[in-house]
């Protein structure tokens, strides 16, 4: 069971919501670049402000601490993940639909390798309530694959218990993340397409093997 969490309100002295959204987009983009180059702890708020194109005083109109910036970065990453994965059809309960969802998720990871690496390296730096919120976002990714797998069971394509479904969904999410953390080694043997095909085959082989074993 996950801890109950709500979206964290990052305080701003500016009232214009459209301006807040625009400025925070600039802050997130600048912070991502700096965090990739220097790491979260070595990057300063002054450097973030400069990279974003405004003064340190302006920066503090939209955030209060450097941890606020990290939270905004993490939240932005998950918002992108959620938006992309929500476009995947989950209604038919076919194996092909599951394969396509895995493919799109892995391609998304490949397009955001640095972002995912930063997020998982630095989440521990966030305050506890922000950590809970960010980590619960990951459960939402798992839940998406759970829904697809349950549709496959309902359509008769698979025969899995709830625990089987939960484990398989976690496996898919983790193996996608493994590409981000181990790309430096994996890319010596796989393209992202080859990796996706191999991992999908192994995942489905395990599911169907367990199904036949039961």
N, C-alpha and C. Protein backbone atom coordinates (compact mmCIF):
# COMPACT_ATOMS: atom_id res chain seq x y z
N UNK A 1 0.85 -1.19 0.00
CA UNK A 1 0.00 0.00 0.00
C UNK A 1 0.88 1.24 0.00
N UNK A 2 0.57 2.21 -0.86
CA UNK A 2 1.34 3.43 -0.93
C UNK A 2 0.80 4.45 0.05
N UNK A 3 1.68 5.36 0.45
CA UNK A 3 1.24 6.44 1.32
C UNK A 3 0.39 7.42 0.53
N UNK A 4 -0.61 7.94 1.19
CA UNK A 4 -1.45 8.94 0.52
C UNK A 4 -0.63 10.21 0.33
N UNK A 5 -0.69 10.77 -0.88
CA UNK A 5 0.06 11.98 -1.15
C UNK A 5 -0.73 12.88 -2.08
N UNK A 6 -0.45 14.16 -2.00
CA UNK A 6 -1.07 15.12 -2.88
C UNK A 6 0.02 15.91 -3.58
N UNK A 7 -0.34 16.51 -4.69
CA UNK A 7 0.61 17.33 -5.43
C UNK A 7 1.12 18.44 -4.52
N UNK A 8 2.42 18.67 -4.53
CA UNK A 8 3.03 19.67 -3.68
C UNK A 8 2.86 21.05 -4.30
N UNK A 9 2.45 22.00 -3.50
CA UNK A 9 2.29 23.37 -3.96
C UNK A 9 3.61 24.12 -3.77
N UNK A 10 4.27 24.44 -4.89
CA UNK A 10 5.49 25.25 -4.84
C UNK A 10 5.06 26.71 -4.85
N UNK A 11 5.37 27.41 -3.78
CA UNK A 11 4.86 28.77 -3.60
C UNK A 11 5.51 29.75 -4.58
N UNK A 12 4.69 30.70 -5.01
CA UNK A 12 5.16 31.77 -5.90
C UNK A 12 4.54 33.09 -5.44
N UNK A 13 5.31 34.16 -5.53
CA UNK A 13 4.77 35.48 -5.18
C UNK A 13 4.05 36.11 -6.37
N UNK A 14 4.12 35.44 -7.53
CA UNK A 14 3.45 35.92 -8.74
C UNK A 14 2.05 35.31 -8.79
N UNK A 15 1.08 36.07 -9.20
CA UNK A 15 -0.31 35.60 -9.23
C UNK A 15 -0.76 35.14 -10.61
N UNK A 16 -0.10 35.60 -11.64
CA UNK A 16 -0.47 35.28 -13.02
C UNK A 16 -0.10 33.82 -13.33
N UNK A 17 -1.10 32.94 -13.44
CA UNK A 17 -0.84 31.52 -13.62
C UNK A 17 -0.12 31.22 -14.93
N UNK A 18 -0.47 31.93 -15.98
CA UNK A 18 0.19 31.69 -17.28
C UNK A 18 1.65 32.10 -17.23
N UNK A 19 1.95 33.15 -16.50
CA UNK A 19 3.33 33.59 -16.35
C UNK A 19 4.12 32.61 -15.49
N UNK A 20 3.48 32.12 -14.43
CA UNK A 20 4.12 31.11 -13.59
C UNK A 20 4.47 29.88 -14.42
N UNK A 21 3.53 29.43 -15.22
CA UNK A 21 3.77 28.24 -16.06
C UNK A 21 4.92 28.47 -17.03
N UNK A 22 4.96 29.64 -17.66
CA UNK A 22 6.02 29.94 -18.62
C UNK A 22 7.38 30.01 -17.95
N UNK A 23 7.45 30.74 -16.83
CA UNK A 23 8.73 30.90 -16.13
C UNK A 23 9.23 29.56 -15.56
N UNK A 24 8.32 28.77 -15.04
CA UNK A 24 8.74 27.49 -14.48
C UNK A 24 9.19 26.52 -15.58
N UNK A 25 8.62 26.64 -16.77
CA UNK A 25 9.11 25.86 -17.90
C UNK A 25 10.55 26.24 -18.22
N UNK A 26 10.85 27.55 -18.17
CA UNK A 26 12.21 28.02 -18.39
C UNK A 26 13.14 27.50 -17.29
N UNK A 27 12.66 27.53 -16.06
CA UNK A 27 13.46 27.07 -14.93
C UNK A 27 13.76 25.58 -15.06
N UNK A 28 12.75 24.78 -15.38
CA UNK A 28 12.93 23.33 -15.52
C UNK A 28 13.92 23.02 -16.63
N UNK A 29 13.77 23.66 -17.78
CA UNK A 29 14.68 23.41 -18.90
C UNK A 29 16.12 23.77 -18.55
N UNK A 30 16.28 24.90 -17.88
CA UNK A 30 17.62 25.33 -17.48
C UNK A 30 18.21 24.39 -16.44
N UNK A 31 17.39 24.00 -15.47
CA UNK A 31 17.86 23.12 -14.40
C UNK A 31 18.26 21.75 -14.94
N UNK A 32 17.47 21.21 -15.86
CA UNK A 32 17.81 19.92 -16.45
C UNK A 32 19.18 19.96 -17.10
N UNK A 33 19.45 21.02 -17.84
CA UNK A 33 20.74 21.15 -18.51
C UNK A 33 21.87 21.21 -17.49
N UNK A 34 21.70 22.01 -16.45
CA UNK A 34 22.74 22.15 -15.43
C UNK A 34 22.93 20.88 -14.61
N UNK A 35 21.80 20.22 -14.25
CA UNK A 35 21.90 19.00 -13.46
C UNK A 35 22.61 17.90 -14.25
N UNK A 36 22.40 17.87 -15.56
CA UNK A 36 23.11 16.89 -16.41
C UNK A 36 24.61 17.17 -16.40
N UNK A 37 24.96 18.47 -16.49
CA UNK A 37 26.37 18.86 -16.59
C UNK A 37 27.11 18.77 -15.26
N UNK A 38 26.45 19.22 -14.18
CA UNK A 38 27.15 19.40 -12.91
C UNK A 38 26.62 18.56 -11.77
N UNK A 39 25.40 18.04 -11.92
CA UNK A 39 24.76 17.37 -10.81
C UNK A 39 23.94 18.36 -10.00
N UNK A 40 22.97 17.85 -9.27
CA UNK A 40 22.07 18.71 -8.50
C UNK A 40 22.82 19.51 -7.44
N UNK A 41 23.72 18.86 -6.71
CA UNK A 41 24.36 19.51 -5.56
C UNK A 41 25.36 20.58 -5.97
N UNK A 42 26.00 20.43 -7.11
CA UNK A 42 27.00 21.41 -7.54
C UNK A 42 26.37 22.59 -8.27
N UNK A 43 25.21 22.38 -8.87
CA UNK A 43 24.53 23.48 -9.56
C UNK A 43 23.95 24.45 -8.53
N UNK A 44 24.07 25.72 -8.77
CA UNK A 44 23.55 26.73 -7.84
C UNK A 44 22.29 27.38 -8.41
N UNK A 45 21.51 27.97 -7.52
CA UNK A 45 20.30 28.66 -7.98
C UNK A 45 20.67 29.86 -8.86
N UNK A 46 21.80 30.48 -8.58
CA UNK A 46 22.24 31.61 -9.40
C UNK A 46 22.53 31.14 -10.83
N UNK A 47 23.14 29.97 -10.95
CA UNK A 47 23.43 29.42 -12.27
C UNK A 47 22.14 29.02 -12.99
N UNK A 48 21.19 28.50 -12.23
CA UNK A 48 19.90 28.13 -12.82
C UNK A 48 19.20 29.37 -13.36
N UNK A 49 19.21 30.44 -12.56
CA UNK A 49 18.57 31.68 -12.99
C UNK A 49 19.23 32.22 -14.26
N UNK A 50 20.56 32.22 -14.30
CA UNK A 50 21.28 32.71 -15.47
C UNK A 50 20.96 31.89 -16.71
N UNK A 51 20.94 30.56 -16.53
CA UNK A 51 20.65 29.66 -17.66
C UNK A 51 19.21 29.84 -18.14
N UNK A 52 18.33 30.22 -17.21
CA UNK A 52 16.92 30.42 -17.57
C UNK A 52 16.69 31.78 -18.22
N UNK A 53 17.67 32.67 -18.08
CA UNK A 53 17.57 33.96 -18.75
C UNK A 53 17.02 35.09 -17.91
N UNK A 54 17.06 34.92 -16.58
CA UNK A 54 16.63 36.04 -15.74
C UNK A 54 17.44 36.09 -14.46
N UNK A 55 17.17 37.09 -13.61
CA UNK A 55 17.98 37.33 -12.43
C UNK A 55 17.63 36.34 -11.31
N UNK A 56 18.52 36.28 -10.33
CA UNK A 56 18.29 35.43 -9.17
C UNK A 56 17.05 35.90 -8.40
N UNK A 57 16.84 37.22 -8.39
CA UNK A 57 15.65 37.77 -7.72
C UNK A 57 14.37 37.31 -8.39
N UNK A 58 14.38 37.30 -9.72
CA UNK A 58 13.21 36.82 -10.46
C UNK A 58 12.98 35.34 -10.21
N UNK A 59 14.06 34.57 -10.16
CA UNK A 59 13.94 33.13 -9.89
C UNK A 59 13.18 32.88 -8.59
N UNK A 60 13.53 33.65 -7.55
CA UNK A 60 12.91 33.43 -6.25
C UNK A 60 11.48 33.97 -6.15
N UNK A 61 11.00 34.57 -7.22
CA UNK A 61 9.58 34.89 -7.27
C UNK A 61 8.74 33.65 -7.61
N UNK A 62 9.41 32.61 -8.16
CA UNK A 62 8.70 31.43 -8.64
C UNK A 62 9.03 30.15 -7.86
N UNK A 63 10.10 30.19 -7.08
CA UNK A 63 10.46 29.05 -6.22
C UNK A 63 11.02 29.62 -4.92
N UNK A 64 11.17 28.76 -3.92
CA UNK A 64 11.75 29.21 -2.65
C UNK A 64 13.12 28.58 -2.39
N UNK A 65 13.32 27.35 -2.85
CA UNK A 65 14.57 26.64 -2.60
C UNK A 65 15.01 25.88 -3.84
N UNK A 66 16.24 25.42 -3.84
CA UNK A 66 16.73 24.61 -4.96
C UNK A 66 15.99 23.28 -4.99
N UNK A 67 15.55 22.79 -3.83
CA UNK A 67 14.76 21.56 -3.79
C UNK A 67 13.43 21.74 -4.52
N UNK A 68 12.88 22.97 -4.47
CA UNK A 68 11.67 23.26 -5.25
C UNK A 68 11.93 23.03 -6.74
N UNK A 69 13.09 23.44 -7.20
CA UNK A 69 13.45 23.26 -8.61
C UNK A 69 13.52 21.78 -8.95
N UNK A 70 14.16 20.99 -8.08
CA UNK A 70 14.26 19.56 -8.32
C UNK A 70 12.88 18.92 -8.35
N UNK A 71 12.01 19.34 -7.45
CA UNK A 71 10.64 18.81 -7.45
C UNK A 71 9.94 19.13 -8.77
N UNK A 72 10.08 20.37 -9.23
CA UNK A 72 9.45 20.76 -10.50
C UNK A 72 10.00 19.93 -11.66
N UNK A 73 11.29 19.64 -11.62
CA UNK A 73 11.91 18.80 -12.65
C UNK A 73 11.31 17.40 -12.62
N UNK A 74 11.25 16.79 -11.43
CA UNK A 74 10.70 15.44 -11.29
C UNK A 74 9.24 15.39 -11.71
N UNK A 75 8.48 16.39 -11.29
CA UNK A 75 7.06 16.42 -11.63
C UNK A 75 6.87 16.58 -13.14
N UNK A 76 7.71 17.38 -13.75
CA UNK A 76 7.62 17.59 -15.20
C UNK A 76 7.92 16.29 -15.95
N UNK A 77 8.91 15.55 -15.49
CA UNK A 77 9.26 14.27 -16.13
C UNK A 77 8.06 13.33 -16.09
N UNK A 78 7.45 13.19 -14.93
CA UNK A 78 6.31 12.27 -14.82
C UNK A 78 5.10 12.77 -15.59
N UNK A 79 4.94 14.08 -15.67
CA UNK A 79 3.83 14.61 -16.48
C UNK A 79 4.02 14.24 -17.94
N UNK A 80 5.25 14.30 -18.42
CA UNK A 80 5.53 13.90 -19.80
C UNK A 80 5.27 12.41 -20.00
N UNK A 81 5.69 11.61 -19.03
CA UNK A 81 5.46 10.16 -19.11
C UNK A 81 3.97 9.86 -19.14
N UNK A 82 3.23 10.46 -18.21
CA UNK A 82 1.80 10.22 -18.13
C UNK A 82 1.08 10.63 -19.41
N UNK A 83 1.45 11.80 -19.94
CA UNK A 83 0.82 12.30 -21.16
C UNK A 83 1.04 11.34 -22.32
N UNK A 84 2.27 10.86 -22.46
CA UNK A 84 2.59 9.98 -23.59
C UNK A 84 1.94 8.61 -23.44
N UNK A 85 2.01 8.05 -22.24
CA UNK A 85 1.45 6.72 -22.04
C UNK A 85 -0.08 6.73 -22.07
N UNK A 86 -0.67 7.87 -21.71
CA UNK A 86 -2.13 7.94 -21.71
C UNK A 86 -2.70 7.89 -23.13
N UNK A 87 -1.85 8.13 -24.12
CA UNK A 87 -2.28 8.10 -25.51
C UNK A 87 -2.32 6.67 -26.08
N UNK A 88 -1.80 5.72 -25.31
CA UNK A 88 -1.77 4.33 -25.76
C UNK A 88 -3.13 3.69 -25.50
N UNK A 89 -3.67 3.04 -26.49
CA UNK A 89 -4.96 2.36 -26.33
C UNK A 89 -4.81 1.18 -25.38
N UNK A 90 -5.76 1.06 -24.46
CA UNK A 90 -5.75 -0.06 -23.51
C UNK A 90 -7.09 -0.76 -23.48
N UNK A 91 -7.84 -0.68 -24.57
CA UNK A 91 -9.22 -1.13 -24.53
C UNK A 91 -9.46 -2.53 -25.09
N UNK A 92 -8.59 -3.00 -25.99
CA UNK A 92 -8.91 -4.23 -26.71
C UNK A 92 -8.45 -5.51 -26.00
N UNK A 93 -7.45 -5.39 -25.12
CA UNK A 93 -6.98 -6.57 -24.41
C UNK A 93 -6.24 -7.56 -25.28
N UNK A 94 -5.48 -7.07 -26.25
CA UNK A 94 -4.72 -7.96 -27.14
C UNK A 94 -3.24 -7.95 -26.76
N UNK A 95 -2.54 -8.99 -27.15
CA UNK A 95 -1.10 -9.06 -26.93
C UNK A 95 -0.40 -7.96 -27.72
N UNK A 96 -0.89 -7.66 -28.91
CA UNK A 96 -0.29 -6.61 -29.73
C UNK A 96 -0.38 -5.26 -29.04
N UNK A 97 -1.49 -5.01 -28.36
CA UNK A 97 -1.65 -3.77 -27.62
C UNK A 97 -0.63 -3.68 -26.49
N UNK A 98 -0.41 -4.78 -25.80
CA UNK A 98 0.59 -4.82 -24.73
C UNK A 98 1.98 -4.57 -25.30
N UNK A 99 2.29 -5.20 -26.42
CA UNK A 99 3.60 -5.00 -27.06
C UNK A 99 3.80 -3.54 -27.45
N UNK A 100 2.75 -2.91 -27.98
CA UNK A 100 2.86 -1.52 -28.39
C UNK A 100 3.06 -0.60 -27.19
N UNK A 101 2.39 -0.89 -26.08
CA UNK A 101 2.55 -0.09 -24.87
C UNK A 101 3.99 -0.20 -24.35
N UNK A 102 4.53 -1.41 -24.35
CA UNK A 102 5.92 -1.61 -23.92
C UNK A 102 6.86 -0.84 -24.84
N UNK A 103 6.63 -0.93 -26.14
CA UNK A 103 7.47 -0.23 -27.11
C UNK A 103 7.46 1.27 -26.87
N UNK A 104 6.28 1.85 -26.72
CA UNK A 104 6.18 3.29 -26.51
C UNK A 104 6.83 3.73 -25.20
N UNK A 105 6.69 2.92 -24.17
CA UNK A 105 7.30 3.23 -22.87
C UNK A 105 8.83 3.19 -22.98
N UNK A 106 9.36 2.16 -23.63
CA UNK A 106 10.81 2.05 -23.77
C UNK A 106 11.37 3.18 -24.63
N UNK A 107 10.66 3.54 -25.69
CA UNK A 107 11.10 4.66 -26.53
C UNK A 107 11.10 5.97 -25.74
N UNK A 108 10.10 6.12 -24.88
CA UNK A 108 10.03 7.30 -24.03
C UNK A 108 11.24 7.35 -23.09
N UNK A 109 11.57 6.23 -22.48
CA UNK A 109 12.75 6.16 -21.61
C UNK A 109 13.99 6.56 -22.38
N UNK A 110 14.13 6.04 -23.60
CA UNK A 110 15.31 6.32 -24.41
C UNK A 110 15.42 7.81 -24.73
N UNK A 111 14.27 8.47 -24.89
CA UNK A 111 14.29 9.90 -25.21
C UNK A 111 14.53 10.77 -23.98
N UNK A 112 14.48 10.17 -22.78
CA UNK A 112 14.63 10.93 -21.53
C UNK A 112 15.62 10.26 -20.58
N UNK A 113 16.67 9.69 -21.14
CA UNK A 113 17.65 8.95 -20.32
C UNK A 113 18.24 9.84 -19.23
N UNK A 114 18.70 11.02 -19.59
CA UNK A 114 19.32 11.92 -18.61
C UNK A 114 18.33 12.34 -17.54
N UNK A 115 17.09 12.63 -17.97
CA UNK A 115 16.07 13.07 -17.03
C UNK A 115 15.75 11.99 -15.99
N UNK A 116 15.58 10.75 -16.45
CA UNK A 116 15.28 9.67 -15.52
C UNK A 116 16.45 9.41 -14.58
N UNK A 117 17.66 9.49 -15.10
CA UNK A 117 18.85 9.27 -14.26
C UNK A 117 18.94 10.33 -13.17
N UNK A 118 18.74 11.58 -13.55
CA UNK A 118 18.76 12.67 -12.56
C UNK A 118 17.69 12.45 -11.50
N UNK A 119 16.49 12.12 -11.95
CA UNK A 119 15.37 11.97 -11.02
C UNK A 119 15.65 10.88 -9.98
N UNK A 120 16.12 9.72 -10.44
CA UNK A 120 16.31 8.63 -9.50
C UNK A 120 17.55 8.81 -8.62
N UNK A 121 18.51 9.55 -9.12
CA UNK A 121 19.70 9.82 -8.30
C UNK A 121 19.40 10.84 -7.20
N UNK A 122 18.51 11.77 -7.49
CA UNK A 122 18.35 12.92 -6.60
C UNK A 122 17.04 12.97 -5.82
N UNK A 123 16.12 12.03 -6.07
CA UNK A 123 14.83 12.06 -5.36
C UNK A 123 15.01 12.08 -3.85
N UNK A 124 16.04 11.40 -3.36
CA UNK A 124 16.29 11.34 -1.91
C UNK A 124 16.58 12.71 -1.31
N UNK A 125 16.92 13.67 -2.16
CA UNK A 125 17.21 15.03 -1.69
C UNK A 125 15.94 15.80 -1.36
N UNK A 126 14.81 15.37 -1.92
CA UNK A 126 13.55 16.08 -1.72
C UNK A 126 13.03 15.91 -0.29
N UNK A 127 12.20 16.83 0.19
CA UNK A 127 11.51 16.64 1.47
C UNK A 127 10.64 15.39 1.41
N UNK A 128 10.32 14.81 2.57
CA UNK A 128 9.61 13.53 2.62
C UNK A 128 8.29 13.57 1.85
N UNK A 129 7.50 14.64 2.02
CA UNK A 129 6.20 14.67 1.35
C UNK A 129 6.36 14.73 -0.17
N UNK A 130 7.40 15.41 -0.63
CA UNK A 130 7.66 15.47 -2.07
C UNK A 130 8.16 14.13 -2.58
N UNK A 131 8.98 13.44 -1.77
CA UNK A 131 9.44 12.10 -2.14
C UNK A 131 8.25 11.15 -2.33
N UNK A 132 7.31 11.21 -1.40
CA UNK A 132 6.13 10.35 -1.47
C UNK A 132 5.34 10.63 -2.74
N UNK A 133 5.16 11.91 -3.04
CA UNK A 133 4.40 12.29 -4.24
C UNK A 133 5.09 11.78 -5.51
N UNK A 134 6.39 12.00 -5.61
CA UNK A 134 7.14 11.59 -6.80
C UNK A 134 7.14 10.07 -6.94
N UNK A 135 7.38 9.37 -5.85
CA UNK A 135 7.42 7.91 -5.92
C UNK A 135 6.05 7.32 -6.24
N UNK A 136 4.99 7.96 -5.75
CA UNK A 136 3.65 7.48 -6.09
C UNK A 136 3.33 7.67 -7.57
N UNK A 137 4.00 8.62 -8.21
CA UNK A 137 3.86 8.78 -9.65
C UNK A 137 4.32 7.51 -10.37
N UNK A 138 5.32 6.87 -9.80
CA UNK A 138 5.81 5.63 -10.42
C UNK A 138 4.77 4.52 -10.32
N UNK A 139 4.04 4.50 -9.23
CA UNK A 139 2.97 3.51 -9.12
C UNK A 139 1.91 3.71 -10.19
N UNK A 140 1.75 4.97 -10.63
CA UNK A 140 0.81 5.24 -11.71
C UNK A 140 1.28 4.59 -13.01
N UNK A 141 2.59 4.59 -13.26
CA UNK A 141 3.12 3.91 -14.44
C UNK A 141 2.88 2.41 -14.37
N UNK A 142 3.12 1.84 -13.20
CA UNK A 142 2.87 0.41 -13.00
C UNK A 142 1.39 0.12 -13.23
N UNK A 143 0.53 0.99 -12.71
CA UNK A 143 -0.92 0.79 -12.83
C UNK A 143 -1.38 0.75 -14.28
N UNK A 144 -0.73 1.54 -15.13
CA UNK A 144 -1.10 1.53 -16.54
C UNK A 144 -0.88 0.15 -17.15
N UNK A 145 0.27 -0.45 -16.86
CA UNK A 145 0.54 -1.78 -17.39
C UNK A 145 -0.32 -2.85 -16.71
N UNK A 146 -0.67 -2.61 -15.46
CA UNK A 146 -1.62 -3.52 -14.81
C UNK A 146 -2.95 -3.52 -15.54
N UNK A 147 -3.43 -2.34 -15.92
CA UNK A 147 -4.71 -2.25 -16.63
C UNK A 147 -4.66 -2.99 -17.97
N UNK A 148 -3.56 -2.84 -18.69
CA UNK A 148 -3.43 -3.52 -19.98
C UNK A 148 -3.41 -5.03 -19.78
N UNK A 149 -2.66 -5.49 -18.79
CA UNK A 149 -2.58 -6.93 -18.52
C UNK A 149 -3.93 -7.48 -18.08
N UNK A 150 -4.65 -6.72 -17.28
CA UNK A 150 -5.98 -7.17 -16.84
C UNK A 150 -6.93 -7.29 -18.03
N UNK A 151 -6.82 -6.36 -18.98
CA UNK A 151 -7.63 -6.44 -20.19
C UNK A 151 -7.30 -7.71 -20.97
N UNK A 152 -6.04 -8.08 -21.00
CA UNK A 152 -5.62 -9.32 -21.68
C UNK A 152 -6.23 -10.54 -21.00
N UNK A 153 -6.30 -10.49 -19.68
CA UNK A 153 -6.92 -11.59 -18.93
C UNK A 153 -8.41 -11.64 -19.21
N UNK A 154 -9.05 -10.47 -19.18
CA UNK A 154 -10.51 -10.40 -19.42
C UNK A 154 -10.89 -10.85 -20.82
N UNK A 155 -10.00 -10.62 -21.79
CA UNK A 155 -10.28 -11.02 -23.17
C UNK A 155 -9.91 -12.47 -23.45
N UNK A 156 -9.35 -13.14 -22.43
CA UNK A 156 -8.99 -14.55 -22.58
C UNK A 156 -7.63 -14.79 -23.19
N UNK A 157 -6.83 -13.73 -23.39
CA UNK A 157 -5.51 -13.90 -23.98
C UNK A 157 -4.48 -14.41 -22.98
N UNK A 158 -4.76 -14.20 -21.70
CA UNK A 158 -3.86 -14.64 -20.63
C UNK A 158 -4.69 -15.13 -19.46
N UNK A 159 -4.05 -15.95 -18.63
CA UNK A 159 -4.69 -16.40 -17.39
C UNK A 159 -3.72 -16.12 -16.25
N UNK A 160 -3.89 -14.96 -15.61
CA UNK A 160 -2.96 -14.53 -14.58
C UNK A 160 -3.71 -14.15 -13.31
N UNK A 161 -3.07 -14.37 -12.17
CA UNK A 161 -3.62 -13.89 -10.91
C UNK A 161 -3.31 -12.40 -10.76
N UNK A 162 -3.94 -11.75 -9.80
CA UNK A 162 -3.66 -10.34 -9.55
C UNK A 162 -2.19 -10.12 -9.19
N UNK A 163 -1.62 -11.05 -8.41
CA UNK A 163 -0.21 -10.93 -8.06
C UNK A 163 0.69 -11.09 -9.28
N UNK A 164 0.33 -12.01 -10.18
CA UNK A 164 1.08 -12.19 -11.42
C UNK A 164 1.07 -10.90 -12.22
N UNK A 165 -0.09 -10.29 -12.31
CA UNK A 165 -0.25 -9.04 -13.08
C UNK A 165 0.60 -7.93 -12.47
N UNK A 166 0.54 -7.80 -11.15
CA UNK A 166 1.29 -6.75 -10.47
C UNK A 166 2.79 -6.95 -10.68
N UNK A 167 3.26 -8.19 -10.56
CA UNK A 167 4.68 -8.47 -10.74
C UNK A 167 5.11 -8.20 -12.18
N UNK A 168 4.30 -8.62 -13.14
CA UNK A 168 4.64 -8.41 -14.54
C UNK A 168 4.67 -6.92 -14.88
N UNK A 169 3.73 -6.16 -14.34
CA UNK A 169 3.70 -4.72 -14.59
C UNK A 169 4.94 -4.04 -14.03
N UNK A 170 5.34 -4.43 -12.82
CA UNK A 170 6.56 -3.88 -12.23
C UNK A 170 7.79 -4.26 -13.04
N UNK A 171 7.80 -5.49 -13.53
CA UNK A 171 8.93 -5.95 -14.33
C UNK A 171 9.08 -5.08 -15.58
N UNK A 172 7.99 -4.80 -16.25
CA UNK A 172 8.04 -3.98 -17.46
C UNK A 172 8.60 -2.59 -17.14
N UNK A 173 8.08 -1.97 -16.08
CA UNK A 173 8.53 -0.63 -15.71
C UNK A 173 10.02 -0.63 -15.36
N UNK A 174 10.45 -1.61 -14.60
CA UNK A 174 11.86 -1.68 -14.17
C UNK A 174 12.79 -1.92 -15.36
N UNK A 175 12.38 -2.81 -16.28
CA UNK A 175 13.24 -3.09 -17.42
C UNK A 175 13.33 -1.89 -18.35
N UNK A 176 12.30 -1.08 -18.41
CA UNK A 176 12.40 0.18 -19.15
C UNK A 176 13.41 1.11 -18.49
N UNK A 177 13.34 1.22 -17.18
CA UNK A 177 14.27 2.07 -16.45
C UNK A 177 15.70 1.57 -16.56
N UNK A 178 15.87 0.26 -16.67
CA UNK A 178 17.20 -0.33 -16.79
C UNK A 178 17.93 0.20 -18.02
N UNK A 179 17.15 0.52 -19.06
CA UNK A 179 17.79 1.09 -20.26
C UNK A 179 18.42 2.45 -19.93
N UNK A 180 17.76 3.23 -19.09
CA UNK A 180 18.32 4.53 -18.70
C UNK A 180 19.59 4.35 -17.88
N UNK A 181 19.54 3.45 -16.90
CA UNK A 181 20.67 3.31 -15.98
C UNK A 181 21.84 2.53 -16.59
N UNK A 182 21.55 1.64 -17.54
CA UNK A 182 22.58 0.77 -18.09
C UNK A 182 22.81 0.97 -19.58
N UNK A 183 22.31 2.06 -20.12
CA UNK A 183 22.46 2.28 -21.56
C UNK A 183 23.92 2.28 -21.98
N UNK A 184 24.78 2.81 -21.12
CA UNK A 184 26.21 2.87 -21.43
C UNK A 184 26.78 1.49 -21.73
N UNK A 185 26.22 0.44 -21.10
CA UNK A 185 26.69 -0.92 -21.35
C UNK A 185 25.82 -1.64 -22.37
N UNK A 186 24.50 -1.48 -22.25
CA UNK A 186 23.57 -2.20 -23.12
C UNK A 186 23.70 -1.80 -24.59
N UNK A 187 24.00 -0.52 -24.84
CA UNK A 187 24.05 -0.06 -26.22
C UNK A 187 25.24 -0.65 -26.99
N UNK A 188 26.14 -1.32 -26.28
CA UNK A 188 27.22 -2.02 -26.97
C UNK A 188 26.71 -3.26 -27.68
N UNK A 189 25.54 -3.75 -27.25
CA UNK A 189 24.97 -4.97 -27.82
C UNK A 189 23.59 -4.77 -28.43
N UNK A 190 22.89 -3.71 -28.02
CA UNK A 190 21.51 -3.51 -28.46
C UNK A 190 21.27 -2.08 -28.93
N UNK A 191 20.45 -1.93 -29.96
CA UNK A 191 19.80 -0.65 -30.21
C UNK A 191 18.57 -0.63 -29.29
N UNK A 192 17.91 0.51 -29.16
CA UNK A 192 16.71 0.55 -28.34
C UNK A 192 15.64 -0.36 -28.92
N UNK A 193 15.58 -0.47 -30.24
CA UNK A 193 14.60 -1.36 -30.88
C UNK A 193 14.91 -2.82 -30.56
N UNK A 194 16.19 -3.20 -30.65
CA UNK A 194 16.59 -4.57 -30.33
C UNK A 194 16.31 -4.89 -28.86
N UNK A 195 16.62 -3.94 -28.00
CA UNK A 195 16.40 -4.12 -26.56
C UNK A 195 14.92 -4.30 -26.26
N UNK A 196 14.09 -3.49 -26.91
CA UNK A 196 12.64 -3.57 -26.71
C UNK A 196 12.11 -4.93 -27.14
N UNK A 197 12.53 -5.40 -28.30
CA UNK A 197 12.09 -6.70 -28.81
C UNK A 197 12.51 -7.82 -27.87
N UNK A 198 13.78 -7.78 -27.42
CA UNK A 198 14.30 -8.82 -26.53
C UNK A 198 13.58 -8.84 -25.19
N UNK A 199 13.39 -7.66 -24.60
CA UNK A 199 12.73 -7.58 -23.29
C UNK A 199 11.26 -7.96 -23.39
N UNK A 200 10.60 -7.57 -24.47
CA UNK A 200 9.19 -7.94 -24.66
C UNK A 200 9.07 -9.45 -24.79
N UNK A 201 9.96 -10.05 -25.56
CA UNK A 201 9.96 -11.51 -25.74
C UNK A 201 10.17 -12.22 -24.41
N UNK A 202 11.13 -11.74 -23.61
CA UNK A 202 11.41 -12.37 -22.31
C UNK A 202 10.23 -12.20 -21.36
N UNK A 203 9.63 -11.01 -21.38
CA UNK A 203 8.49 -10.75 -20.51
C UNK A 203 7.32 -11.66 -20.86
N UNK A 204 6.96 -11.71 -22.14
CA UNK A 204 5.83 -12.53 -22.56
C UNK A 204 6.13 -14.02 -22.39
N UNK A 205 7.38 -14.39 -22.61
CA UNK A 205 7.76 -15.79 -22.41
C UNK A 205 7.57 -16.20 -20.96
N UNK A 206 7.96 -15.29 -20.03
CA UNK A 206 7.78 -15.59 -18.62
C UNK A 206 6.33 -15.67 -18.22
N UNK A 207 5.53 -14.74 -18.74
CA UNK A 207 4.09 -14.73 -18.43
C UNK A 207 3.41 -16.00 -18.93
N UNK A 208 3.66 -16.34 -20.19
CA UNK A 208 3.01 -17.50 -20.78
C UNK A 208 3.52 -18.79 -20.20
N UNK A 209 4.80 -18.80 -19.81
CA UNK A 209 5.35 -19.99 -19.16
C UNK A 209 4.67 -20.22 -17.82
N UNK A 210 4.53 -19.14 -17.03
CA UNK A 210 3.86 -19.25 -15.73
C UNK A 210 2.42 -19.67 -15.91
N UNK A 211 1.79 -19.15 -16.96
CA UNK A 211 0.40 -19.47 -17.22
C UNK A 211 0.24 -20.97 -17.50
N UNK A 212 1.15 -21.50 -18.35
CA UNK A 212 1.08 -22.92 -18.68
C UNK A 212 1.47 -23.79 -17.48
N UNK A 213 2.40 -23.26 -16.67
CA UNK A 213 2.82 -24.04 -15.49
C UNK A 213 1.70 -24.18 -14.49
N UNK A 214 0.82 -23.14 -14.43
CA UNK A 214 -0.31 -23.19 -13.50
C UNK A 214 -1.43 -24.08 -14.03
